[in-house]
Amino acid sequence: MTGWLGGLQIRRTDRGQTPVADFLCTACGTYRRITGRDKVRDFVRANPITDHRAHCPANQKGTSR
């Protein structure tokens, strides 16, 4: 996954024009891929970036690495 920027990317596949949403957190490495029109729409409405930021292990205080 070199060269990837973190965040949310939404695209369509060439053949069937199926929407695909990719979410990547560069702080902790969490990656999710959602496919399908209804699933992508629901995922985006849920505001995945803000939701993940609240639960991201890289942002947790009191943890040592």
C-alpha atoms as a PDB file:
ATOM      1  CA  MET A   1       0.000   0.000   0.000  1.00  0.00           C
ATOM      2  CA  THR A   2       2.866   2.383  -0.607  1.00  0.00           C
ATOM      3  CA  GLY A   3       1.852   5.725  -1.988  1.00  0.00           C
ATOM      4  CA  TRP A   4      -1.608   5.709  -0.445  1.00  0.00           C
ATOM      5  CA  LEU A   5      -3.019   8.779   1.230  1.00  0.00           C
ATOM      6  CA  GLY A   6      -5.202   8.298   4.261  1.00  0.00           C
ATOM      7  CA  GLY A   7      -8.890   9.065   4.265  1.00  0.00           C
ATOM      8  CA  LEU A   8     -11.881   8.011   2.242  1.00  0.00           C
ATOM      9  CA  GLN A   9     -11.840   7.310  -1.486  1.00  0.00           C
ATOM     10  CA  ILE A  10     -14.965   6.462  -3.458  1.00  0.00           C
ATOM     11  CA  ARG A  11     -14.840   5.138  -7.009  1.00  0.00           C
ATOM     12  CA  ARG A  12     -16.692   2.883  -9.431  1.00  0.00           C
ATOM     13  CA  THR A  13     -15.456  -0.283 -11.064  1.00  0.00           C
ATOM     14  CA  ASP A  14     -15.110  -0.205 -14.842  1.00  0.00           C
ATOM     15  CA  ARG A  15     -17.317  -3.145 -15.739  1.00  0.00           C
ATOM     16  CA  GLY A  16     -20.469  -3.074 -13.689  1.00  0.00           C
ATOM     17  CA  GLN A  17     -20.094   0.449 -12.306  1.00  0.00           C
ATOM     18  CA  THR A  18     -20.291  -0.901  -8.757  1.00  0.00           C
ATOM     19  CA  PRO A  19     -19.341   1.760  -6.194  1.00  0.00           C
ATOM     20  CA  VAL A  20     -16.315   0.961  -4.022  1.00  0.00           C
ATOM     21  CA  ALA A  21     -15.311   2.905  -0.908  1.00  0.00           C
ATOM     22  CA  ASP A  22     -11.816   2.516   0.569  1.00  0.00           C
ATOM     23  CA  PHE A  23     -10.981   3.883   4.010  1.00  0.00           C
ATOM     24  CA  LEU A  24      -7.400   4.049   5.293  1.00  0.00           C
ATOM     25  CA  CYS A  25      -6.134   5.470   8.583  1.00  0.00           C
ATOM     26  CA  THR A  26      -2.452   6.289   8.200  1.00  0.00           C
ATOM     27  CA  ALA A  27      -2.004   6.667  11.964  1.00  0.00           C
ATOM     28  CA  CYS A  28      -2.936   3.104  12.932  1.00  0.00           C
ATOM     29  CA  GLY A  29      -3.121   1.310   9.578  1.00  0.00           C
ATOM     30  CA  THR A  30      -6.814   0.415   9.703  1.00  0.00           C
ATOM     31  CA  TYR A  31      -8.133  -0.372   6.226  1.00  0.00           C
ATOM     32  CA  ARG A  32     -11.710  -1.083   5.149  1.00  0.00           C
ATOM     33  CA  ARG A  33     -13.222  -1.695   1.721  1.00  0.00           C
ATOM     34  CA  ILE A  34     -16.966  -1.453   1.168  1.00  0.00           C
ATOM     35  CA  THR A  35     -18.636  -2.447  -2.113  1.00  0.00           C
ATOM     36  CA  GLY A  36     -22.167  -2.029  -3.347  1.00  0.00           C
ATOM     37  CA  ARG A  37     -24.335   1.036  -3.840  1.00  0.00           C
ATOM     38  CA  ASP A  38     -26.404   0.733  -0.657  1.00  0.00           C
ATOM     39  CA  LYS A  39     -23.493  -0.296   1.552  1.00  0.00           C
ATOM     40  CA  VAL A  40     -21.271   2.560   0.309  1.00  0.00           C
ATOM     41  CA  ARG A  41     -24.079   5.096   0.776  1.00  0.00           C
ATOM     42  CA  ASP A  42     -24.701   3.920   4.349  1.00  0.00           C
ATOM     43  CA  PHE A  43     -20.960   3.852   5.123  1.00  0.00           C
ATOM     44  CA  VAL A  44     -20.467   7.443   3.933  1.00  0.00           C
ATOM     45  CA  ARG A  45     -23.551   8.663   5.816  1.00  0.00           C
ATOM     46  CA  ALA A  46     -22.091   7.158   9.006  1.00  0.00           C
ATOM     47  CA  ASN A  47     -19.108   9.553   8.675  1.00  0.00           C
ATOM     48  CA  PRO A  48     -16.344   6.927   8.996  1.00  0.00           C
ATOM     49  CA  ILE A  49     -13.463   9.388   9.415  1.00  0.00           C
ATOM     50  CA  THR A  50     -14.929  11.101  12.467  1.00  0.00           C
ATOM     51  CA  ASP A  51     -16.135   7.811  13.926  1.00  0.00           C
ATOM     52  CA  HIS A  52     -12.723   6.178  13.550  1.00  0.00           C
ATOM     53  CA  ARG A  53     -10.900   9.212  14.938  1.00  0.00           C
ATOM     54  CA  ALA A  54     -12.789   8.769  18.213  1.00  0.00           C
ATOM     55  CA  HIS A  55     -11.722   5.101  18.478  1.00  0.00           C
ATOM     56  CA  CYS A  56      -8.324   5.124  16.759  1.00  0.00           C
ATOM     57  CA  PRO A  57      -5.696   3.236  18.797  1.00  0.00           C
ATOM     58  CA  ALA A  58      -3.039   5.752  17.724  1.00  0.00           C
ATOM     59  CA  ASN A  59      -4.986   8.561  19.412  1.00  0.00           C
ATOM     60  CA  GLN A  60      -5.552   6.752  22.714  1.00  0.00           C
ATOM     61  CA  LYS A  61      -3.803   8.412  25.614  1.00  0.00           C
ATOM     62  CA  GLY A  62      -2.011   6.377  28.217  1.00  0.00           C
ATOM     63  CA  THR A  63      -0.836   3.677  25.851  1.00  0.00           C
ATOM     64  CA  SER A  64       2.832   3.003  25.390  1.00  0.00           C
ATOM     65  CA  ARG A  65       4.432   1.552  22.307  1.00  0.00           C
END
